[in-house]
Amino acid sequence: MRRITGIGQYVVGDSPLHRLDSAAKIGVAVAFTVALFTVGGFAGLAVVAGAVVAAVAISRVPVSAVARGLRAVAMIMVLTVVANALRWQPVDALARLGPLAIDGAGLRTGVFFAVRIVLLVTGTSLLTLTTSPVRLAGGIERVLAPLEVFRIPVGDLAMTLTIALRFIPTTAEEAENIMTAQQARGASFDTGGPLARARAYAPVLVPLFFQLFRRADALATAMEARCYRGSEGRTRLVEERMKRSDWLTMIGVSMVLIAVGWLL
């Protein structure tokens, strides 16, 4: 749970990436995701990785803050490599253990997907690390503004997405507190087999959901006390506008990323 707590939390700073308009950063994040899932080889991943390293350096965000997300998905990366590398009696194998063997092509595929996960988590986490929740909500609302033609409550949807992102570390911290309290009363979460450990986590779910519903009710009461009635007629203390530099940055970086994904 400590690996999840703090993932994506805003890091105060004054870097060029922090000053970039939130809507522009969302556009770049979308282009980055498209490019990452269209590259077909390690050469393309290397170029995208260089872009991610450059973005982290420009953002001046501590590497430890970026690495939190990687620690959280470490098991997923391991399972990705293992699931692709292991084969049942392959013709060509790098190593064998009975009928199971490590296939060379499967290992390359697993490493490719694992690197893709690393880059996806690192690149997209910069969006929340360099954007405050208020600016992020405003950016999402402006990006989804065309959907208002179809009578979709864009403002409420943006607020919901922002609150959901904000409550991820809060939920993890609450779960860790409950587990610590139960361990102090004699509970054990690291003994026995996989099924026994899974059953040990079951008593955590009831108080965790109780706390989440209580927090949600308190948040709803606080929003009502501040006269929140949805996005219609709502004003903001600071109205963001896309400047020329924001447009140029978003269009230029997005075109380069998509070209890399298409060509490599």
C-alpha atoms as a PDB file:
ATOM      1  CA  MET A   1       0.000   0.000   0.000  1.00  0.00           C
ATOM      2  CA  ARG A   2       2.903   2.361   0.605  1.00  0.00           C
ATOM      3  CA  ARG A   3       3.755   1.991  -3.076  1.00  0.00           C
ATOM      4  CA  ILE A   4       0.320   3.254  -4.080  1.00  0.00           C
ATOM      5  CA  THR A   5       0.088   6.117  -1.593  1.00  0.00           C
ATOM      6  CA  GLY A   6       1.292   9.287  -3.266  1.00  0.00           C
ATOM      7  CA  ILE A   7       1.121   8.007  -6.845  1.00  0.00           C
ATOM      8  CA  GLY A   8       0.316  10.855  -9.171  1.00  0.00           C
ATOM      9  CA  GLN A   9       0.028  13.453  -6.423  1.00  0.00           C
ATOM     10  CA  TYR A  10       0.769  16.968  -7.561  1.00  0.00           C
ATOM     11  CA  VAL A  11       4.339  18.141  -6.966  1.00  0.00           C
ATOM     12  CA  VAL A  12       4.583  21.918  -6.624  1.00  0.00           C
ATOM     13  CA  GLY A  13       7.042  23.428  -9.079  1.00  0.00           C
ATOM     14  CA  ASP A  14       7.704  26.174 -11.593  1.00  0.00           C
ATOM     15  CA  SER A  15       9.105  24.209 -14.513  1.00  0.00           C
ATOM     16  CA  PRO A  16       8.067  24.720 -18.151  1.00  0.00           C
ATOM     17  CA  LEU A  17       5.954  21.576 -17.851  1.00  0.00           C
ATOM     18  CA  HIS A  18       4.168  22.971 -14.791  1.00  0.00           C
ATOM     19  CA  ARG A  19       3.434  26.229 -16.626  1.00  0.00           C
ATOM     20  CA  LEU A  20       2.100  24.475 -19.731  1.00  0.00           C
ATOM     21  CA  ASP A  21      -1.681  24.698 -20.042  1.00  0.00           C
ATOM     22  CA  SER A  22      -3.489  21.674 -18.599  1.00  0.00           C
ATOM     23  CA  ALA A  23      -5.501  21.102 -21.786  1.00  0.00           C
ATOM     24  CA  ALA A  24      -2.278  21.105 -23.817  1.00  0.00           C
ATOM     25  CA  LYS A  25      -0.770  18.527 -21.464  1.00  0.00           C
ATOM     26  CA  ILE A  26      -3.837  16.328 -21.840  1.00  0.00           C
ATOM     27  CA  GLY A  27      -3.502  16.547 -25.624  1.00  0.00           C
ATOM     28  CA  VAL A  28       0.172  15.588 -25.447  1.00  0.00           C
ATOM     29  CA  ALA A  29      -0.649  12.707 -23.081  1.00  0.00           C
ATOM     30  CA  VAL A  30      -3.213  11.363 -25.571  1.00  0.00           C
ATOM     31  CA  ALA A  31      -0.722  11.624 -28.443  1.00  0.00           C
ATOM     32  CA  PHE A  32       1.936   9.959 -26.287  1.00  0.00           C
ATOM     33  CA  THR A  33      -0.385   7.037 -25.536  1.00  0.00           C
ATOM     34  CA  VAL A  34      -1.285   6.634 -29.213  1.00  0.00           C
ATOM     35  CA  ALA A  35       2.381   6.698 -30.213  1.00  0.00           C
ATOM     36  CA  LEU A  36       3.326   4.206 -27.518  1.00  0.00           C
ATOM     37  CA  PHE A  37       0.733   1.680 -28.665  1.00  0.00           C
ATOM     38  CA  THR A  38       1.557   2.068 -32.370  1.00  0.00           C
ATOM     39  CA  VAL A  39       5.337   1.592 -32.225  1.00  0.00           C
ATOM     40  CA  GLY A  40       6.239  -1.836 -33.503  1.00  0.00           C
ATOM     41  CA  GLY A  41       9.792  -2.359 -32.281  1.00  0.00           C
ATOM     42  CA  PHE A  42      12.417  -1.540 -29.718  1.00  0.00           C
ATOM     43  CA  ALA A  43      13.748   1.319 -31.855  1.00  0.00           C
ATOM     44  CA  GLY A  44      10.440   3.147 -31.465  1.00  0.00           C
ATOM     45  CA  LEU A  45      10.372   2.408 -27.742  1.00  0.00           C
ATOM     46  CA  ALA A  46      13.887   3.827 -27.421  1.00  0.00           C
ATOM     47  CA  VAL A  47      12.827   7.102 -29.056  1.00  0.00           C
ATOM     48  CA  VAL A  48       9.725   7.329 -26.841  1.00  0.00           C
ATOM     49  CA  ALA A  49      11.844   6.520 -23.791  1.00  0.00           C
ATOM     50  CA  GLY A  50      14.174   9.380 -24.687  1.00  0.00           C
ATOM     51  CA  ALA A  51      11.175  11.703 -24.866  1.00  0.00           C
ATOM     52  CA  VAL A  52       9.997  10.514 -21.440  1.00  0.00           C
ATOM     53  CA  VAL A  53      13.426  11.066 -19.891  1.00  0.00           C
ATOM     54  CA  ALA A  54      13.561  14.556 -21.400  1.00  0.00           C
ATOM     55  CA  ALA A  55      10.065  15.329 -20.057  1.00  0.00           C
ATOM     56  CA  VAL A  56      11.028  14.170 -16.549  1.00  0.00           C
ATOM     57  CA  ALA A  57      14.156  16.337 -16.668  1.00  0.00           C
ATOM     58  CA  ILE A  58      12.191  19.366 -17.872  1.00  0.00           C
ATOM     59  CA  SER A  59       9.510  18.888 -15.201  1.00  0.00           C
ATOM     60  CA  ARG A  60      12.118  18.880 -12.397  1.00  0.00           C
ATOM     61  CA  VAL A  61       9.948  16.376 -10.547  1.00  0.00           C
ATOM     62  CA  PRO A  62      11.911  14.160  -8.117  1.00  0.00           C
ATOM     63  CA  VAL A  63      12.724  10.784  -9.603  1.00  0.00           C
ATOM     64  CA  SER A  64      11.366   9.140  -6.448  1.00  0.00           C
ATOM     65  CA  ALA A  65       7.914  10.606  -7.164  1.00  0.00           C
ATOM     66  CA  VAL A  66       7.983   9.186 -10.701  1.00  0.00           C
ATOM     67  CA  ALA A  67       9.274   5.801  -9.480  1.00  0.00           C
ATOM     68  CA  ARG A  68       6.309   5.277  -7.161  1.00  0.00           C
ATOM     69  CA  GLY A  69       4.155   4.272 -10.099  1.00  0.00           C
ATOM     70  CA  LEU A  70       6.762   1.800 -11.343  1.00  0.00           C
ATOM     71  CA  ARG A  71       6.980   0.084  -7.956  1.00  0.00           C
ATOM     72  CA  ALA A  72       3.193  -0.263  -7.940  1.00  0.00           C
ATOM     73  CA  VAL A  73       3.106  -2.073 -11.315  1.00  0.00           C
ATOM     74  CA  ALA A  74       6.275  -4.130 -10.777  1.00  0.00           C
ATOM     75  CA  MET A  75       4.284  -7.357 -10.350  1.00  0.00           C
ATOM     76  CA  ILE A  76       2.323  -6.670 -13.546  1.00  0.00           C
ATOM     77  CA  MET A  77       5.582  -6.239 -15.467  1.00  0.00           C
ATOM     78  CA  VAL A  78       6.987  -9.497 -14.078  1.00  0.00           C
ATOM     79  CA  LEU A  79       3.811 -11.394 -14.954  1.00  0.00           C
ATOM     80  CA  THR A  80       3.865  -9.892 -18.443  1.00  0.00           C
ATOM     81  CA  VAL A  81       7.383 -11.137 -19.093  1.00  0.00           C
ATOM     82  CA  VAL A  82       6.737 -14.576 -17.585  1.00  0.00           C
ATOM     83  CA  ALA A  83       3.430 -15.090 -19.397  1.00  0.00           C
ATOM     84  CA  ASN A  84       5.023 -14.354 -22.767  1.00  0.00           C
ATOM     85  CA  ALA A  85       8.353 -16.110 -22.189  1.00  0.00           C
ATOM     86  CA  LEU A  86       7.156 -19.472 -20.862  1.00  0.00           C
ATOM     87  CA  ARG A  87       6.126 -22.040 -23.462  1.00  0.00           C
ATOM     88  CA  TRP A  88       5.062 -25.681 -23.271  1.00  0.00           C
ATOM     89  CA  GLN A  89       7.653 -27.763 -25.098  1.00  0.00           C
ATOM     90  CA  PRO A  90       8.791 -25.150 -27.641  1.00  0.00           C
ATOM     91  CA  VAL A  91      11.044 -26.146 -30.532  1.00  0.00           C
ATOM     92  CA  ASP A  92      13.736 -23.563 -29.802  1.00  0.00           C
ATOM     93  CA  ALA A  93      14.260 -22.750 -26.117  1.00  0.00           C
ATOM     94  CA  LEU A  94      16.786 -20.696 -24.211  1.00  0.00           C
ATOM     95  CA  ALA A  95      16.326 -22.752 -21.040  1.00  0.00           C
ATOM     96  CA  ARG A  96      14.219 -25.758 -20.051  1.00  0.00           C
ATOM     97  CA  LEU A  97      12.651 -27.028 -16.844  1.00  0.00           C
ATOM     98  CA  GLY A  98      10.846 -30.223 -17.723  1.00  0.00           C
ATOM     99  CA  PRO A  99       8.158 -29.526 -20.345  1.00  0.00           C
ATOM    100  CA  LEU A 100       8.290 -25.797 -19.594  1.00  0.00           C
ATOM    101  CA  ALA A 101      10.870 -23.685 -21.371  1.00  0.00           C
ATOM    102  CA  ILE A 102      11.765 -20.069 -22.028  1.00  0.00           C
ATOM    103  CA  ASP A 103      11.130 -19.191 -25.634  1.00  0.00           C
ATOM    104  CA  GLY A 104      13.396 -16.541 -27.149  1.00  0.00           C
ATOM    105  CA  ALA A 105      10.697 -14.865 -29.241  1.00  0.00           C
ATOM    106  CA  GLY A 106       8.270 -14.938 -26.339  1.00  0.00           C
ATOM    107  CA  LEU A 107      10.873 -13.409 -24.029  1.00  0.00           C
ATOM    108  CA  ARG A 108      11.449 -10.542 -26.457  1.00  0.00           C
ATOM    109  CA  THR A 109       7.700  -9.978 -26.710  1.00  0.00           C
ATOM    110  CA  GLY A 110       7.337  -9.974 -22.924  1.00  0.00           C
ATOM    111  CA  VAL A 111      10.185  -7.508 -22.459  1.00  0.00           C
ATOM    112  CA  PHE A 112       8.683  -5.301 -25.182  1.00  0.00           C
ATOM    113  CA  PHE A 113       5.302  -5.178 -23.422  1.00  0.00           C
ATOM    114  CA  ALA A 114       6.941  -4.648 -20.020  1.00  0.00           C
ATOM    115  CA  VAL A 115       8.940  -1.681 -21.332  1.00  0.00           C
ATOM    116  CA  ARG A 116       5.739  -0.310 -22.860  1.00  0.00           C
ATOM    117  CA  ILE A 117       4.053  -0.487 -19.434  1.00  0.00           C
ATOM    118  CA  VAL A 118       7.004   1.309 -17.809  1.00  0.00           C
ATOM    119  CA  LEU A 119       6.886   4.124 -20.356  1.00  0.00           C
ATOM    120  CA  LEU A 120       3.089   4.398 -20.173  1.00  0.00           C
ATOM    121  CA  VAL A 121       3.044   4.716 -16.379  1.00  0.00           C
ATOM    122  CA  THR A 122       5.986   7.117 -16.302  1.00  0.00           C
ATOM    123  CA  GLY A 123       4.785   9.342 -19.125  1.00  0.00           C
ATOM    124  CA  THR A 124       1.154   9.626 -18.104  1.00  0.00           C
ATOM    125  CA  SER A 125       1.987  10.151 -14.412  1.00  0.00           C
ATOM    126  CA  LEU A 126       3.704  13.411 -15.358  1.00  0.00           C
ATOM    127  CA  LEU A 127       0.258  14.822 -16.162  1.00  0.00           C
ATOM    128  CA  THR A 128      -0.928  14.587 -12.561  1.00  0.00           C
ATOM    129  CA  LEU A 129       2.509  15.229 -11.063  1.00  0.00           C
ATOM    130  CA  THR A 130       2.777  18.623 -12.773  1.00  0.00           C
ATOM    131  CA  THR A 131      -0.902  19.673 -12.766  1.00  0.00           C
ATOM    132  CA  SER A 132      -2.897  20.680  -9.694  1.00  0.00           C
ATOM    133  CA  PRO A 133      -6.320  19.013  -9.250  1.00  0.00           C
ATOM    134  CA  VAL A 134      -8.135  22.300  -9.925  1.00  0.00           C
ATOM    135  CA  ARG A 135      -6.246  22.930 -13.174  1.00  0.00           C
ATOM    136  CA  LEU A 136      -6.640  19.297 -14.184  1.00  0.00           C
ATOM    137  CA  ALA A 137     -10.417  19.490 -13.734  1.00  0.00           C
ATOM    138  CA  GLY A 138     -10.509  22.681 -15.809  1.00  0.00           C
ATOM    139  CA  GLY A 139      -8.400  21.098 -18.528  1.00  0.00           C
ATOM    140  CA  ILE A 140     -10.574  17.997 -18.735  1.00  0.00           C
ATOM    141  CA  GLU A 141     -13.680  20.181 -18.898  1.00  0.00           C
ATOM    142  CA  ARG A 142     -12.270  22.238 -21.766  1.00  0.00           C
ATOM    143  CA  VAL A 143     -11.107  19.156 -23.671  1.00  0.00           C
ATOM    144  CA  LEU A 144     -14.538  17.528 -23.353  1.00  0.00           C
ATOM    145  CA  ALA A 145     -16.436  20.754 -24.069  1.00  0.00           C
ATOM    146  CA  PRO A 146     -17.572  19.624 -27.568  1.00  0.00           C
ATOM    147  CA  LEU A 147     -19.594  16.845 -25.910  1.00  0.00           C
ATOM    148  CA  GLU A 148     -21.941  19.460 -24.458  1.00  0.00           C
ATOM    149  CA  VAL A 149     -23.649  19.473 -27.864  1.00  0.00           C
ATOM    150  CA  PHE A 150     -24.977  16.013 -26.956  1.00  0.00           C
ATOM    151  CA  ARG A 151     -26.204  17.290 -23.554  1.00  0.00           C
ATOM    152  CA  ILE A 152     -23.433  15.479 -21.675  1.00  0.00           C
ATOM    153  CA  PRO A 153     -22.653  17.179 -18.314  1.00  0.00           C
ATOM    154  CA  VAL A 154     -18.998  17.799 -19.094  1.00  0.00           C
ATOM    155  CA  GLY A 155     -18.319  19.822 -15.943  1.00  0.00           C
ATOM    156  CA  ASP A 156     -19.706  17.144 -13.649  1.00  0.00           C
ATOM    157  CA  LEU A 157     -17.813  14.448 -15.551  1.00  0.00           C
ATOM    158  CA  ALA A 158     -14.536  16.375 -15.225  1.00  0.00           C
ATOM    159  CA  MET A 159     -15.129  16.913 -11.510  1.00  0.00           C
ATOM    160  CA  THR A 160     -15.867  13.204 -11.035  1.00  0.00           C
ATOM    161  CA  LEU A 161     -12.689  12.143 -12.859  1.00  0.00           C
ATOM    162  CA  THR A 162     -10.587  14.578 -10.833  1.00  0.00           C
ATOM    163  CA  ILE A 163     -12.030  13.404  -7.531  1.00  0.00           C
ATOM    164  CA  ALA A 164     -11.466   9.765  -8.542  1.00  0.00           C
ATOM    165  CA  LEU A 165      -7.790  10.464  -9.302  1.00  0.00           C
ATOM    166  CA  ARG A 166      -7.398  12.361  -6.050  1.00  0.00           C
ATOM    167  CA  PHE A 167      -8.916   9.558  -3.975  1.00  0.00           C
ATOM    168  CA  ILE A 168      -6.594   6.807  -5.257  1.00  0.00           C
ATOM    169  CA  PRO A 169      -3.779   7.618  -2.779  1.00  0.00           C
ATOM    170  CA  THR A 170      -6.351   8.428  -0.090  1.00  0.00           C
ATOM    171  CA  THR A 171      -7.927   4.992  -0.482  1.00  0.00           C
ATOM    172  CA  ALA A 172      -4.541   3.279  -0.354  1.00  0.00           C
ATOM    173  CA  GLU A 173      -3.586   5.199   2.786  1.00  0.00           C
ATOM    174  CA  GLU A 174      -6.895   4.304   4.440  1.00  0.00           C
ATOM    175  CA  ALA A 175      -6.380   0.617   3.611  1.00  0.00           C
ATOM    176  CA  GLU A 176      -2.881   0.709   5.072  1.00  0.00           C
ATOM    177  CA  ASN A 177      -4.172   2.272   8.282  1.00  0.00           C
ATOM    178  CA  ILE A 178      -6.828  -0.435   8.630  1.00  0.00           C
ATOM    179  CA  MET A 179      -4.270  -3.178   8.012  1.00  0.00           C
ATOM    180  CA  THR A 180      -1.914  -1.675  10.612  1.00  0.00           C
ATOM    181  CA  ALA A 181      -4.734  -1.524  13.157  1.00  0.00           C
ATOM    182  CA  GLN A 182      -5.676  -5.148  12.519  1.00  0.00           C
ATOM    183  CA  GLN A 183      -2.056  -6.293  12.715  1.00  0.00           C
ATOM    184  CA  ALA A 184      -1.829  -4.618  16.124  1.00  0.00           C
ATOM    185  CA  ARG A 185      -4.765  -6.823  17.157  1.00  0.00           C
ATOM    186  CA  GLY A 186      -3.078 -10.029  15.994  1.00  0.00           C
ATOM    187  CA  ALA A 187      -4.075 -10.264  12.326  1.00  0.00           C
ATOM    188  CA  SER A 188      -1.516 -11.618   9.860  1.00  0.00           C
ATOM    189  CA  PHE A 189      -1.403 -10.810   6.149  1.00  0.00           C
ATOM    190  CA  ASP A 190       1.879 -12.503   5.170  1.00  0.00           C
ATOM    191  CA  THR A 191       1.529 -16.066   6.430  1.00  0.00           C
ATOM    192  CA  GLY A 192       0.103 -19.143   4.749  1.00  0.00           C
ATOM    193  CA  GLY A 193      -0.522 -19.851   1.105  1.00  0.00           C
ATOM    194  CA  PRO A 194      -2.041 -17.569  -1.533  1.00  0.00           C
ATOM    195  CA  LEU A 195      -5.628 -18.500  -0.595  1.00  0.00           C
ATOM    196  CA  ALA A 196      -4.989 -17.948   3.106  1.00  0.00           C
ATOM    197  CA  ARG A 197      -3.486 -14.540   2.403  1.00  0.00           C
ATOM    198  CA  ALA A 198      -6.422 -13.616   0.179  1.00  0.00           C
ATOM    199  CA  ARG A 199      -8.864 -14.559   2.956  1.00  0.00           C
ATOM    200  CA  ALA A 200      -6.855 -12.492   5.432  1.00  0.00           C
ATOM    201  CA  TYR A 201      -7.553  -9.361   3.370  1.00  0.00           C
ATOM    202  CA  ALA A 202     -11.319  -9.945   3.390  1.00  0.00           C
ATOM    203  CA  PRO A 203     -11.871  -8.283   6.827  1.00  0.00           C
ATOM    204  CA  VAL A 204     -10.134  -5.171   5.468  1.00  0.00           C
ATOM    205  CA  LEU A 205     -12.776  -4.585   2.808  1.00  0.00           C
ATOM    206  CA  VAL A 206     -15.735  -3.920   5.121  1.00  0.00           C
ATOM    207  CA  PRO A 207     -14.154  -1.083   7.152  1.00  0.00           C
ATOM    208  CA  LEU A 208     -12.461   0.229   4.012  1.00  0.00           C
ATOM    209  CA  PHE A 209     -15.767   0.598   2.143  1.00  0.00           C
ATOM    210  CA  PHE A 210     -17.351   2.074   5.259  1.00  0.00           C
ATOM    211  CA  GLN A 211     -14.622   4.722   5.413  1.00  0.00           C
ATOM    212  CA  LEU A 212     -14.923   5.429   1.679  1.00  0.00           C
ATOM    213  CA  PHE A 213     -18.684   5.947   1.887  1.00  0.00           C
ATOM    214  CA  ARG A 214     -18.213   8.173   4.927  1.00  0.00           C
ATOM    215  CA  ARG A 215     -15.622  10.269   3.090  1.00  0.00           C
ATOM    216  CA  ALA A 216     -17.867  10.488   0.040  1.00  0.00           C
ATOM    217  CA  ASP A 217     -20.786  11.662   2.193  1.00  0.00           C
ATOM    218  CA  ALA A 218     -18.594  14.257   3.899  1.00  0.00           C
ATOM    219  CA  LEU A 219     -17.332  15.475   0.525  1.00  0.00           C
ATOM    220  CA  ALA A 220     -20.882  15.748  -0.846  1.00  0.00           C
ATOM    221  CA  THR A 221     -21.956  17.720   2.234  1.00  0.00           C
ATOM    222  CA  ALA A 222     -18.980  20.059   1.882  1.00  0.00           C
ATOM    223  CA  MET A 223     -19.729  20.663  -1.802  1.00  0.00           C
ATOM    224  CA  GLU A 224     -23.396  21.374  -1.056  1.00  0.00           C
ATOM    225  CA  ALA A 225     -22.397  23.755   1.745  1.00  0.00           C
ATOM    226  CA  ARG A 226     -20.349  25.664  -0.830  1.00  0.00           C
ATOM    227  CA  CYS A 227     -23.390  25.842  -3.147  1.00  0.00           C
ATOM    228  CA  TYR A 228     -22.015  23.476  -5.777  1.00  0.00           C
ATOM    229  CA  ARG A 229     -24.844  22.724  -8.191  1.00  0.00           C
ATOM    230  CA  GLY A 230     -22.977  21.366 -11.174  1.00  0.00           C
ATOM    231  CA  SER A 231     -21.106  23.115 -13.952  1.00  0.00           C
ATOM    232  CA  GLU A 232     -23.960  25.273 -15.273  1.00  0.00           C
ATOM    233  CA  GLY A 233     -23.308  28.915 -14.443  1.00  0.00           C
ATOM    234  CA  ARG A 234     -20.189  28.028 -12.466  1.00  0.00           C
ATOM    235  CA  THR A 235     -17.216  30.406 -12.586  1.00  0.00           C
ATOM    236  CA  ARG A 236     -13.561  29.873 -11.728  1.00  0.00           C
ATOM    237  CA  LEU A 237     -11.136  31.955  -9.750  1.00  0.00           C
ATOM    238  CA  VAL A 238      -8.529  31.578 -12.506  1.00  0.00           C
ATOM    239  CA  GLU A 239      -9.749  31.090 -16.074  1.00  0.00           C
ATOM    240  CA  GLU A 240      -7.103  29.288 -18.121  1.00  0.00           C
ATOM    241  CA  ARG A 241      -6.668  30.083 -21.779  1.00  0.00           C
ATOM    242  CA  MET A 242      -4.542  28.304 -24.341  1.00  0.00           C
ATOM    243  CA  LYS A 243      -1.751  30.660 -25.350  1.00  0.00           C
ATOM    244  CA  ARG A 244       0.094  30.535 -28.640  1.00  0.00           C
ATOM    245  CA  SER A 245       3.045  28.777 -27.018  1.00  0.00           C
ATOM    246  CA  ASP A 246       0.702  26.144 -25.573  1.00  0.00           C
ATOM    247  CA  TRP A 247      -0.833  25.472 -28.985  1.00  0.00           C
ATOM    248  CA  LEU A 248       2.575  25.242 -30.655  1.00  0.00           C
ATOM    249  CA  THR A 249       3.914  22.911 -27.967  1.00  0.00           C
ATOM    250  CA  MET A 250       0.899  20.617 -28.069  1.00  0.00           C
ATOM    251  CA  ILE A 251       0.724  20.408 -31.859  1.00  0.00           C
ATOM    252  CA  GLY A 252       4.480  20.097 -32.365  1.00  0.00           C
ATOM    253  CA  VAL A 253       5.094  17.440 -29.716  1.00  0.00           C
ATOM    254  CA  SER A 254       1.967  15.487 -30.680  1.00  0.00           C
ATOM    255  CA  MET A 255       2.939  15.406 -34.357  1.00  0.00           C
ATOM    256  CA  VAL A 256       6.457  14.203 -33.541  1.00  0.00           C
ATOM    257  CA  LEU A 257       5.165  11.474 -31.202  1.00  0.00           C
ATOM    258  CA  ILE A 258       2.570  10.217 -33.665  1.00  0.00           C
ATOM    259  CA  ALA A 259       5.146  10.247 -36.480  1.00  0.00           C
ATOM    260  CA  VAL A 260       7.512   8.169 -34.338  1.00  0.00           C
ATOM    261  CA  GLY A 261       4.739   5.689 -33.597  1.00  0.00           C
ATOM    262  CA  TRP A 262       3.767   5.478 -37.269  1.00  0.00           C
ATOM    263  CA  LEU A 263       7.284   5.128 -38.678  1.00  0.00           C
ATOM    264  CA  LEU A 264       8.947   2.982 -36.015  1.00  0.00           C
END
